[in-house]
Amino acid sequence: MQRFPLVPLLLLLFALLDLRSETVLLLQHFTWSTLSFALFSHPLAVLVLIAMPSLLRRYSRGTTPGAASRSTGP
């Protein structure tokens, strides 16, 4: 049974909530300066949006990174 990837979806929700005012401004009147302001004033939210495909792949597998390389030696 595959688990629901809750952590990436919560991160996505918080990133979109953080960027909502800049998104409204960009949709009303797009300028390059508002786009650069949105990108540089919210770097963590932008990074979460860029990393979202990788986060969804990693959390949907249900395995921890490096779990296959760990050994249970003596």
C-alpha atoms as a PDB file:
ATOM      1  CA  MET A   1       0.000   0.000   0.000  1.00  0.00           C
ATOM      2  CA  GLN A   2       1.478   3.322  -1.064  1.00  0.00           C
ATOM      3  CA  ARG A   3       1.464   6.169   1.422  1.00  0.00           C
ATOM      4  CA  PHE A   4       0.208   9.655   0.622  1.00  0.00           C
ATOM      5  CA  PRO A   5       3.171  12.071   0.287  1.00  0.00           C
ATOM      6  CA  LEU A   6       2.065  14.594   2.919  1.00  0.00           C
ATOM      7  CA  VAL A   7       5.354  16.472   3.437  1.00  0.00           C
ATOM      8  CA  PRO A   8       5.848  17.600  -0.184  1.00  0.00           C
ATOM      9  CA  LEU A   9       2.216  18.626  -0.488  1.00  0.00           C
ATOM     10  CA  LEU A  10       2.417  20.702   2.690  1.00  0.00           C
ATOM     11  CA  LEU A  11       5.592  22.348   1.422  1.00  0.00           C
ATOM     12  CA  LEU A  12       3.848  23.123  -1.869  1.00  0.00           C
ATOM     13  CA  LEU A  13       0.874  24.619  -0.053  1.00  0.00           C
ATOM     14  CA  PHE A  14       3.071  26.836   2.131  1.00  0.00           C
ATOM     15  CA  ALA A  15       5.144  27.969  -0.870  1.00  0.00           C
ATOM     16  CA  LEU A  16       2.046  28.925  -2.827  1.00  0.00           C
ATOM     17  CA  LEU A  17       0.594  30.756   0.167  1.00  0.00           C
ATOM     18  CA  ASP A  18       3.854  32.655   0.528  1.00  0.00           C
ATOM     19  CA  LEU A  19       3.815  33.689  -3.130  1.00  0.00           C
ATOM     20  CA  ARG A  20       0.113  34.496  -3.426  1.00  0.00           C
ATOM     21  CA  SER A  21       0.355  38.316  -3.286  1.00  0.00           C
ATOM     22  CA  GLU A  22       3.147  38.418  -5.872  1.00  0.00           C
ATOM     23  CA  THR A  23       1.215  35.985  -8.057  1.00  0.00           C
ATOM     24  CA  VAL A  24      -1.824  38.279  -7.997  1.00  0.00           C
ATOM     25  CA  LEU A  25       0.359  41.254  -8.914  1.00  0.00           C
ATOM     26  CA  LEU A  26       1.964  39.316 -11.769  1.00  0.00           C
ATOM     27  CA  LEU A  27      -1.421  38.204 -13.114  1.00  0.00           C
ATOM     28  CA  GLN A  28      -2.831  41.743 -12.978  1.00  0.00           C
ATOM     29  CA  HIS A  29       0.129  43.485 -14.576  1.00  0.00           C
ATOM     30  CA  PHE A  30       3.220  41.550 -15.587  1.00  0.00           C
ATOM     31  CA  THR A  31       6.576  43.291 -15.548  1.00  0.00           C
ATOM     32  CA  TRP A  32      10.043  41.828 -15.377  1.00  0.00           C
ATOM     33  CA  SER A  33      10.791  43.818 -12.237  1.00  0.00           C
ATOM     34  CA  THR A  34       7.829  42.293 -10.346  1.00  0.00           C
ATOM     35  CA  LEU A  35       8.931  38.837 -11.470  1.00  0.00           C
ATOM     36  CA  SER A  36      12.482  39.417 -10.266  1.00  0.00           C
ATOM     37  CA  PHE A  37      11.189  40.873  -6.993  1.00  0.00           C
ATOM     38  CA  ALA A  38       9.015  37.800  -6.427  1.00  0.00           C
ATOM     39  CA  LEU A  39      11.917  35.446  -7.148  1.00  0.00           C
ATOM     40  CA  PHE A  40      14.495  37.259  -5.020  1.00  0.00           C
ATOM     41  CA  SER A  41      12.258  38.189  -2.085  1.00  0.00           C
ATOM     42  CA  HIS A  42      10.971  34.606  -1.560  1.00  0.00           C
ATOM     43  CA  PRO A  43      13.924  32.315  -2.313  1.00  0.00           C
ATOM     44  CA  LEU A  44      12.749  29.418  -0.138  1.00  0.00           C
ATOM     45  CA  ALA A  45       9.310  29.296  -1.744  1.00  0.00           C
ATOM     46  CA  VAL A  46      10.861  29.406  -5.210  1.00  0.00           C
ATOM     47  CA  LEU A  47      13.300  26.645  -4.285  1.00  0.00           C
ATOM     48  CA  VAL A  48      10.445  24.450  -3.021  1.00  0.00           C
ATOM     49  CA  LEU A  49       8.564  24.958  -6.285  1.00  0.00           C
ATOM     50  CA  ILE A  50      11.653  24.083  -8.326  1.00  0.00           C
ATOM     51  CA  ALA A  51      12.391  20.980  -6.213  1.00  0.00           C
ATOM     52  CA  MET A  52       8.779  19.769  -6.085  1.00  0.00           C
ATOM     53  CA  PRO A  53       9.066  17.066  -8.815  1.00  0.00           C
ATOM     54  CA  SER A  54      12.086  15.561  -7.093  1.00  0.00           C
ATOM     55  CA  LEU A  55      10.418  15.726  -3.679  1.00  0.00           C
ATOM     56  CA  LEU A  56       7.290  14.007  -4.980  1.00  0.00           C
ATOM     57  CA  ARG A  57       9.354  11.218  -6.573  1.00  0.00           C
ATOM     58  CA  ARG A  58      11.405  10.697  -3.419  1.00  0.00           C
ATOM     59  CA  TYR A  59       8.465  10.682  -0.999  1.00  0.00           C
ATOM     60  CA  SER A  60       6.152   8.622  -3.188  1.00  0.00           C
ATOM     61  CA  ARG A  61       8.671   5.750  -3.235  1.00  0.00           C
ATOM     62  CA  GLY A  62       8.428   5.429   0.515  1.00  0.00           C
ATOM     63  CA  THR A  63      12.112   4.653   0.964  1.00  0.00           C
ATOM     64  CA  THR A  64      14.709   6.701   2.683  1.00  0.00           C
ATOM     65  CA  PRO A  65      17.730   7.854   0.690  1.00  0.00           C
ATOM     66  CA  GLY A  66      20.632   5.455   0.982  1.00  0.00           C
ATOM     67  CA  ALA A  67      18.589   2.702   2.596  1.00  0.00           C
ATOM     68  CA  ALA A  68      19.667   0.189  -0.045  1.00  0.00           C
ATOM     69  CA  SER A  69      23.353   0.882   0.552  1.00  0.00           C
ATOM     70  CA  ARG A  70      23.187   0.349   4.313  1.00  0.00           C
ATOM     71  CA  SER A  71      24.383  -2.985   5.529  1.00  0.00           C
ATOM     72  CA  THR A  72      23.480  -4.846   8.683  1.00  0.00           C
ATOM     73  CA  GLY A  73      26.939  -6.239   9.253  1.00  0.00           C
ATOM     74  CA  PRO A  74      28.155  -8.036  12.366  1.00  0.00           C
END
